[in-house]
N, C-alpha and C. Protein backbone atom coordinates (compact mmCIF):
# COMPACT_ATOMS: atom_id res chain seq x y z
N UNK A 1 50.01 58.04 91.35
CA UNK A 1 49.43 58.91 90.36
C UNK A 1 48.06 59.41 91.20
N UNK A 2 47.85 60.95 91.40
CA UNK A 2 46.75 61.13 91.77
C UNK A 2 46.27 61.92 90.88
N UNK A 3 44.36 61.97 90.63
CA UNK A 3 44.14 62.40 89.46
C UNK A 3 42.88 62.96 89.87
N UNK A 4 42.72 64.36 89.89
CA UNK A 4 41.68 65.26 91.10
C UNK A 4 40.28 64.91 90.45
N UNK A 5 39.27 64.87 90.96
CA UNK A 5 38.28 64.75 90.59
C UNK A 5 37.67 65.48 88.98
N UNK A 6 37.75 66.49 89.01
CA UNK A 6 37.28 67.45 88.13
C UNK A 6 38.11 67.26 86.90
N UNK A 7 39.23 66.55 87.04
CA UNK A 7 40.12 66.34 85.90
C UNK A 7 39.68 64.91 85.34
N UNK A 8 38.94 64.14 85.84
CA UNK A 8 38.34 62.70 85.85
C UNK A 8 36.67 63.14 85.08
N UNK A 9 36.00 64.25 84.74
CA UNK A 9 35.18 64.61 84.18
C UNK A 9 35.42 65.73 83.19
N UNK A 10 36.54 65.83 82.87
CA UNK A 10 36.86 66.60 81.87
C UNK A 10 36.35 66.11 80.61
N UNK A 11 36.90 65.05 80.01
CA UNK A 11 36.19 64.38 79.07
C UNK A 11 34.62 64.52 78.74
N UNK A 12 34.34 64.31 79.74
CA UNK A 12 32.78 64.42 79.79
C UNK A 12 31.96 65.58 79.55
N UNK A 13 32.85 66.74 79.90
CA UNK A 13 32.16 67.93 79.92
C UNK A 13 32.08 68.12 78.71
N UNK A 14 32.65 67.61 77.10
CA UNK A 14 32.88 67.83 76.11
C UNK A 14 31.34 67.83 75.39
N UNK A 15 30.77 66.87 76.17
CA UNK A 15 29.37 66.51 75.68
C UNK A 15 28.30 67.47 76.44
N UNK A 16 28.30 68.09 77.80
CA UNK A 16 27.74 68.52 78.12
C UNK A 16 26.89 69.72 77.29
N UNK A 17 25.24 69.64 77.53
CA UNK A 17 24.70 70.95 76.86
C UNK A 17 24.89 72.61 77.39
N UNK A 18 25.08 73.19 76.30
CA UNK A 18 25.70 74.44 76.89
C UNK A 18 25.08 75.61 75.65
N UNK A 19 25.16 76.42 75.81
CA UNK A 19 24.46 77.57 74.56
C UNK A 19 25.98 78.05 74.00
N UNK A 20 26.88 77.67 74.29
CA UNK A 20 28.17 78.04 73.24
C UNK A 20 29.23 76.68 73.60
N UNK A 21 28.88 75.77 72.88
CA UNK A 21 29.41 74.68 72.76
C UNK A 21 31.25 74.81 72.56
N UNK A 22 31.38 75.48 71.85
CA UNK A 22 32.81 76.04 71.44
C UNK A 22 33.40 76.74 72.57
N UNK A 23 32.79 77.60 73.20
CA UNK A 23 33.59 78.03 74.39
C UNK A 23 33.45 77.37 75.63
N UNK A 24 32.72 76.34 75.82
CA UNK A 24 32.91 74.84 76.63
C UNK A 24 33.83 74.24 76.23
N UNK A 25 34.12 73.88 75.04
CA UNK A 25 35.47 73.05 74.44
C UNK A 25 36.83 74.01 74.94
N UNK A 26 36.46 74.90 74.57
CA UNK A 26 37.89 75.98 75.12
C UNK A 26 38.18 76.10 76.33
N UNK A 27 37.18 76.23 77.37
CA UNK A 27 37.45 76.05 78.93
C UNK A 27 38.06 74.92 79.08
N UNK A 28 37.30 73.73 79.00
CA UNK A 28 38.10 72.15 78.75
C UNK A 28 39.44 72.16 78.68
N UNK A 29 39.77 72.65 77.46
CA UNK A 29 41.01 72.78 76.63
C UNK A 29 41.96 73.48 77.97
N UNK A 30 41.72 74.56 78.25
CA UNK A 30 42.38 75.43 79.26
C UNK A 30 42.49 74.57 80.59
N UNK A 31 41.16 74.07 80.77
CA UNK A 31 41.74 73.24 82.05
C UNK A 31 42.43 71.96 81.91
N UNK A 32 42.62 71.44 80.86
CA UNK A 32 43.50 70.39 80.35
C UNK A 32 44.60 71.03 80.55
N UNK A 33 45.24 72.21 79.83
CA UNK A 33 46.53 72.48 80.05
C UNK A 33 47.35 73.10 81.40
N UNK A 34 46.56 73.04 82.27
CA UNK A 34 46.82 73.39 83.84
C UNK A 34 46.92 72.05 84.57
N UNK A 35 46.65 70.80 84.05
CA UNK A 35 47.11 69.80 84.47
C UNK A 35 48.39 69.45 84.65
N UNK A 36 49.44 69.27 85.33
CA UNK A 36 50.81 69.44 85.43
C UNK A 36 51.96 68.42 85.04
N UNK A 37 51.07 66.99 85.72
CA UNK A 37 52.04 65.90 85.21
C UNK A 37 51.61 65.67 83.73
N UNK A 38 52.56 65.40 83.10
CA UNK A 38 52.70 65.11 81.53
C UNK A 38 51.90 63.63 80.96
N UNK A 39 52.05 62.79 81.87
CA UNK A 39 51.07 61.57 81.64
C UNK A 39 49.64 61.76 81.45
N UNK A 40 49.17 62.41 82.67
CA UNK A 40 47.82 62.86 83.15
C UNK A 40 47.00 63.57 82.20
N UNK A 41 48.04 64.77 81.86
CA UNK A 41 47.23 65.64 80.36
C UNK A 41 47.37 65.10 79.48
N UNK A 42 48.04 64.28 78.87
CA UNK A 42 48.24 63.44 77.65
C UNK A 42 46.96 62.39 77.66
N UNK A 43 46.91 61.83 78.59
CA UNK A 43 45.82 61.09 78.59
C UNK A 43 44.42 61.53 78.87
N UNK A 44 44.21 62.48 79.64
CA UNK A 44 43.00 63.04 79.84
C UNK A 44 43.00 63.79 78.02
N UNK A 45 43.47 64.66 77.67
CA UNK A 45 43.26 65.54 76.23
C UNK A 45 43.45 64.47 75.49
N UNK A 46 43.85 62.95 75.43
CA UNK A 46 43.01 61.76 74.15
C UNK A 46 41.81 61.64 74.63
N UNK A 47 41.20 61.42 75.92
CA UNK A 47 39.62 61.29 75.79
C UNK A 47 39.06 62.24 75.66
N UNK A 48 39.22 63.20 75.94
CA UNK A 48 38.90 64.57 75.34
C UNK A 48 38.63 64.93 73.85
N UNK A 49 40.02 64.54 73.44
CA UNK A 49 39.75 64.36 71.71
C UNK A 49 38.69 63.42 71.32
N UNK A 50 38.55 62.08 71.94
CA UNK A 50 37.96 61.32 70.92
C UNK A 50 36.65 61.81 71.54
N UNK A 51 36.26 61.88 72.93
CA UNK A 51 34.38 62.37 73.09
C UNK A 51 34.36 63.52 72.21
N UNK A 52 35.07 64.96 71.94
CA UNK A 52 34.95 66.10 71.50
C UNK A 52 34.28 65.50 69.64
N UNK A 53 35.07 64.57 69.54
CA UNK A 53 35.08 64.48 68.13
C UNK A 53 33.91 64.11 67.43
N UNK A 54 32.77 63.40 68.86
CA UNK A 54 31.27 63.06 68.25
C UNK A 54 30.47 64.40 68.29
N UNK A 55 31.29 65.57 68.78
CA UNK A 55 30.58 66.71 68.81
C UNK A 55 30.81 67.78 68.24
N UNK A 56 32.28 67.79 68.04
CA UNK A 56 32.57 69.34 67.34
C UNK A 56 33.52 68.76 65.96
N UNK A 57 33.31 69.60 64.81
CA UNK A 57 34.47 69.26 63.67
C UNK A 57 35.89 69.13 63.95
N UNK A 58 36.40 68.43 63.20
CA UNK A 58 37.85 68.05 63.55
C UNK A 58 38.50 69.33 63.48
N UNK A 59 38.64 70.21 62.66
CA UNK A 59 39.08 71.69 62.41
C UNK A 59 39.18 72.44 63.45
N UNK A 60 38.46 72.14 64.54
CA UNK A 60 38.01 72.75 65.68
C UNK A 60 39.02 72.29 66.75
N UNK A 61 38.75 70.76 66.95
CA UNK A 61 39.61 69.99 67.88
C UNK A 61 41.08 70.08 67.56
N UNK A 62 41.60 70.07 66.26
CA UNK A 62 43.07 70.48 66.11
C UNK A 62 43.30 71.49 66.06
N UNK A 63 42.70 72.72 66.14
CA UNK A 63 42.71 73.77 66.36
C UNK A 63 43.24 74.05 68.11
N UNK A 64 42.17 73.45 68.69
CA UNK A 64 42.30 73.65 70.30
C UNK A 64 43.68 72.73 70.72
N UNK A 65 43.80 71.60 70.44
CA UNK A 65 44.95 70.99 71.00
C UNK A 65 45.61 70.96 69.94
N UNK A 66 47.02 71.85 70.59
CA UNK A 66 47.91 71.62 69.76
C UNK A 66 48.90 70.39 69.91
N UNK A 67 48.93 69.64 71.22
CA UNK A 67 49.61 68.67 71.20
C UNK A 67 49.32 67.68 70.01
N UNK A 68 50.19 66.41 69.69
CA UNK A 68 49.60 65.50 68.94
C UNK A 68 49.58 63.87 70.01
N UNK A 69 48.84 64.37 71.03
CA UNK A 69 48.30 63.18 71.67
C UNK A 69 47.65 62.28 71.10
N UNK A 70 46.79 62.40 70.12
CA UNK A 70 46.14 61.18 69.65
C UNK A 70 47.16 60.52 69.05
N UNK A 71 47.95 60.76 68.19
CA UNK A 71 49.37 60.06 67.45
C UNK A 71 49.87 59.02 68.52
N UNK A 72 49.91 59.47 69.82
CA UNK A 72 50.62 58.62 70.87
C UNK A 72 49.89 57.67 71.63
N UNK A 73 48.79 57.54 71.36
CA UNK A 73 47.38 56.86 72.01
C UNK A 73 47.66 55.34 71.45
N UNK A 74 47.79 54.20 72.24
CA UNK A 74 47.58 52.81 71.80
C UNK A 74 46.22 52.66 71.08
N UNK A 75 45.54 52.99 71.33
CA UNK A 75 44.16 52.65 70.88
C UNK A 75 43.97 53.32 69.35
N UNK A 76 44.49 54.65 69.09
CA UNK A 76 44.84 55.72 67.76
C UNK A 76 46.06 54.55 67.14
N UNK A 77 46.93 53.91 67.46
CA UNK A 77 47.99 53.25 67.17
C UNK A 77 47.38 51.85 66.35
N UNK A 78 46.45 51.63 67.22
CA UNK A 78 45.83 50.32 66.79
C UNK A 78 44.85 50.71 65.55
N UNK A 79 44.33 51.33 65.77
CA UNK A 79 42.92 51.74 64.84
C UNK A 79 44.19 51.88 63.52
N UNK A 80 44.77 52.89 63.40
CA UNK A 80 45.97 53.18 62.21
C UNK A 80 46.37 51.90 61.80
N UNK A 81 46.61 51.03 62.54
CA UNK A 81 47.53 49.80 61.97
C UNK A 81 46.52 48.99 61.03
N UNK A 82 44.88 48.82 61.74
CA UNK A 82 44.36 48.01 61.46
C UNK A 82 43.85 48.70 60.07
N UNK A 83 43.65 50.07 59.82
CA UNK A 83 43.01 50.58 58.45
C UNK A 83 44.45 50.32 57.45
N UNK A 84 45.82 50.31 57.84
CA UNK A 84 46.42 49.97 56.97
C UNK A 84 46.65 48.96 56.42
N UNK A 85 46.24 47.76 57.31
CA UNK A 85 45.84 46.22 56.97
C UNK A 85 45.10 45.96 55.76
N UNK A 86 44.04 46.86 56.21
CA UNK A 86 42.48 46.54 55.14
C UNK A 86 42.84 47.23 53.87
N UNK A 87 43.82 48.55 54.04
CA UNK A 87 44.44 49.06 52.69
C UNK A 87 45.35 48.11 51.91
N UNK A 88 46.13 47.50 52.29
CA UNK A 88 47.27 46.74 51.84
C UNK A 88 46.62 45.27 51.17
N UNK A 89 45.47 45.12 52.07
CA UNK A 89 44.80 43.89 51.22
C UNK A 89 44.13 44.10 50.57
N UNK A 90 43.31 45.18 50.25
CA UNK A 90 42.26 45.60 49.16
C UNK A 90 43.27 45.86 48.04
N UNK A 91 44.65 46.36 48.05
CA UNK A 91 45.31 46.88 47.07
C UNK A 91 45.70 45.74 46.73
N UNK A 92 46.14 44.74 47.24
CA UNK A 92 46.65 43.21 46.77
C UNK A 92 45.10 42.34 46.00
N UNK A 93 44.30 42.77 46.59
CA UNK A 93 43.39 41.73 45.86
C UNK A 93 42.92 42.24 44.23
N UNK A 94 42.75 43.85 44.48
CA UNK A 94 42.60 44.09 43.40
C UNK A 94 43.57 44.36 42.14
N UNK A 95 44.68 44.28 42.65
CA UNK A 95 45.88 44.07 41.48
C UNK A 95 45.55 42.69 41.21
N UNK A 96 45.60 41.55 42.02
CA UNK A 96 45.40 39.93 41.42
C UNK A 96 44.48 40.33 40.25
N UNK A 97 43.21 40.55 40.94
CA UNK A 97 41.62 40.91 40.00
C UNK A 97 42.38 41.33 38.30
N UNK A 98 43.02 42.41 38.59
CA UNK A 98 43.30 43.14 37.40
C UNK A 98 44.14 42.30 36.36
N UNK A 99 45.43 41.21 36.84
CA UNK A 99 45.96 40.55 36.60
C UNK A 99 45.34 39.25 36.06
N UNK A 100 44.20 38.84 36.74
CA UNK A 100 43.17 37.59 36.12
C UNK A 100 42.51 37.91 34.81
N UNK A 101 42.09 39.56 35.11
CA UNK A 101 41.33 39.85 34.14
C UNK A 101 41.87 39.59 32.68
N UNK A 102 43.27 40.14 32.67
CA UNK A 102 44.22 40.43 31.37
C UNK A 102 44.78 39.26 31.13
N UNK A 103 44.89 38.28 32.07
CA UNK A 103 45.47 37.13 31.54
C UNK A 103 44.39 36.01 31.33
N UNK A 104 43.19 36.11 31.90
CA UNK A 104 42.14 34.93 31.27
C UNK A 104 40.75 35.47 31.19
N UNK A 105 40.39 36.68 31.17
CA UNK A 105 39.27 37.12 30.83
C UNK A 105 38.70 37.71 32.16
N UNK A 106 37.42 37.63 32.35
CA UNK A 106 36.19 37.87 33.41
C UNK A 106 36.81 36.69 34.45
N UNK A 107 36.96 37.38 35.72
CA UNK A 107 36.95 36.10 37.07
C UNK A 107 35.41 35.80 37.35
N UNK A 108 35.13 34.52 37.38
CA UNK A 108 33.97 34.12 37.55
C UNK A 108 33.54 35.14 39.27
N UNK A 109 32.57 35.65 39.76
CA UNK A 109 32.05 36.06 41.09
C UNK A 109 32.45 34.81 41.97
N UNK A 110 31.96 33.74 42.00
CA UNK A 110 32.81 32.65 43.23
C UNK A 110 33.83 32.85 43.44
N UNK A 111 34.81 33.02 42.05
CA UNK A 111 36.30 32.71 42.48
C UNK A 111 36.72 34.32 43.46
N UNK A 112 35.93 35.76 42.78
CA UNK A 112 36.38 36.47 43.28
C UNK A 112 36.11 36.86 44.98
N UNK A 113 34.79 36.17 45.20
CA UNK A 113 34.62 36.03 46.53
C UNK A 113 35.57 35.04 47.43
N UNK A 114 35.77 33.93 46.71
CA UNK A 114 37.07 33.27 47.32
C UNK A 114 38.52 33.85 47.56
N UNK A 115 38.80 34.64 46.49
CA UNK A 115 39.96 35.72 46.83
C UNK A 115 39.53 36.71 48.00
N UNK A 116 38.30 36.94 47.89
CA UNK A 116 38.04 38.17 48.94
C UNK A 116 38.66 37.73 50.55
N UNK A 117 38.38 36.14 50.75
CA UNK A 117 38.59 35.46 51.95
C UNK A 117 39.82 35.14 52.34
N UNK A 118 40.65 35.30 51.39
CA UNK A 118 42.28 35.16 51.64
C UNK A 118 42.50 36.25 52.52
N UNK A 119 43.52 35.83 53.52
CA UNK A 119 44.81 36.87 54.36
C UNK A 119 45.35 37.61 53.28
N UNK A 120 46.29 38.76 53.81
CA UNK A 120 47.08 39.41 53.07
C UNK A 120 48.27 38.70 52.27
N UNK A 121 48.53 38.10 53.19
CA UNK A 121 49.62 37.10 53.05
C UNK A 121 49.75 36.38 52.07
N UNK A 122 48.46 35.47 52.10
CA UNK A 122 47.63 34.43 51.13
C UNK A 122 47.65 35.17 49.65
N UNK A 123 47.34 36.61 49.40
CA UNK A 123 47.24 37.32 48.38
C UNK A 123 48.18 37.65 47.94
N UNK A 124 49.28 37.81 48.75
CA UNK A 124 50.72 38.15 48.13
C UNK A 124 51.14 36.87 47.46
N UNK A 125 51.23 35.84 48.19
CA UNK A 125 51.70 34.42 47.52
C UNK A 125 50.97 34.15 45.93
N UNK A 126 49.94 34.51 46.26
CA UNK A 126 48.96 33.94 45.21
C UNK A 126 49.77 35.07 44.03
N UNK A 127 49.87 36.22 44.00
CA UNK A 127 50.08 37.58 42.99
C UNK A 127 51.49 36.60 42.51
N UNK A 128 52.42 36.24 43.13
CA UNK A 128 53.40 35.31 42.82
C UNK A 128 53.40 34.23 41.80
N UNK A 129 52.31 33.45 42.55
CA UNK A 129 52.16 32.13 41.73
C UNK A 129 51.88 32.34 40.72
N UNK A 130 50.54 33.23 40.64
CA UNK A 130 49.96 33.70 39.09
C UNK A 130 51.03 34.08 38.13
N UNK A 131 51.80 34.52 38.24
CA UNK A 131 53.08 34.17 36.87
C UNK A 131 53.43 33.19 36.57
N UNK A 132 53.23 32.20 36.96
CA UNK A 132 53.36 30.78 36.38
C UNK A 132 51.77 30.35 36.05
N UNK A 133 50.96 30.68 36.32
CA UNK A 133 49.60 30.12 35.64
C UNK A 133 49.65 30.28 34.30
N UNK A 134 49.09 29.05 33.41
CA UNK A 134 49.23 29.17 31.93
C UNK A 134 47.14 29.16 32.06
N UNK A 135 46.63 28.63 32.36
CA UNK A 135 45.15 28.65 32.15
C UNK A 135 44.38 28.49 33.38
N UNK A 136 43.05 28.96 33.29
CA UNK A 136 42.00 29.61 34.41
C UNK A 136 42.07 28.22 35.67
N UNK A 137 42.25 27.03 35.33
CA UNK A 137 42.13 25.92 36.00
C UNK A 137 43.10 26.02 37.06
N UNK A 138 44.75 26.74 36.64
CA UNK A 138 45.71 26.39 37.40
C UNK A 138 45.26 27.40 38.55
N UNK A 139 44.55 28.68 38.50
CA UNK A 139 43.86 29.13 39.57
C UNK A 139 43.17 28.41 40.89
N UNK A 140 42.32 27.63 39.83
CA UNK A 140 41.24 26.59 40.61
C UNK A 140 41.96 26.11 41.65
N UNK A 141 42.86 25.33 41.16
CA UNK A 141 43.65 24.39 41.66
C UNK A 141 44.14 24.83 42.90
N UNK A 142 44.73 26.02 42.28
CA UNK A 142 45.82 27.03 43.64
C UNK A 142 45.21 27.38 44.78
N UNK A 143 43.65 27.47 44.48
CA UNK A 143 43.07 27.63 45.42
C UNK A 143 42.26 26.86 46.61
N UNK A 144 42.53 25.55 45.30
CA UNK A 144 41.71 24.24 46.76
C UNK A 144 43.08 23.69 47.10
N UNK A 145 44.29 24.25 46.95
CA UNK A 145 45.35 23.73 47.64
C UNK A 145 45.79 24.49 48.75
N UNK A 146 45.72 25.62 48.96
CA UNK A 146 46.07 26.35 49.73
C UNK A 146 45.12 25.91 51.30
N UNK A 147 46.15 26.54 52.60
CA UNK A 147 44.88 26.44 53.67
C UNK A 147 44.02 27.58 53.71
N UNK A 148 42.95 27.16 54.72
CA UNK A 148 42.09 28.43 55.04
C UNK A 148 43.24 29.48 55.80
N UNK A 149 42.54 31.07 55.49
CA UNK A 149 42.95 31.71 56.10
C UNK A 149 43.11 32.19 57.42
N UNK A 150 43.82 32.33 58.53
CA UNK A 150 43.75 32.65 59.60
C UNK A 150 42.78 33.25 60.19
N UNK A 151 42.36 33.43 61.30
CA UNK A 151 41.30 34.13 62.13
C UNK A 151 41.66 35.60 62.06
N UNK A 152 40.77 36.64 61.88
CA UNK A 152 41.39 37.77 62.02
C UNK A 152 42.14 38.71 60.77
N UNK A 153 41.71 37.95 59.74
CA UNK A 153 42.80 38.15 58.62
C UNK A 153 41.92 39.39 57.61
């Protein structure tokens, strides 16, 4: 695989000073479109879109880059997956807190903090176990008996 030197600097060109930044970005996009090899074009385009996002509005970037290159990027996929995981965990936590408040009244701040440290799977297990709780001490006992969450949860 051979990438011309000018192709390597295309992503950095989006950050260059220019009296007409939009025109500069348009020229960069035109240069990317001239890259014949698909993989090279996609990789360079993804890099350009990331760096252009530091300077240009999203609407301009999506207008100029017709291909959905970013969605194919492994970094984009990783960011998306992590965001989905955080959202899932937050939803599980909020549901459990609402269920506990409805069943037992206000949840102690210390208990809330302990719940926030649980992994998503632990929160899901707790949501199921919660159906069998009859008093607040059941929650305390449950939390005391579960293992600490795995790292990076």
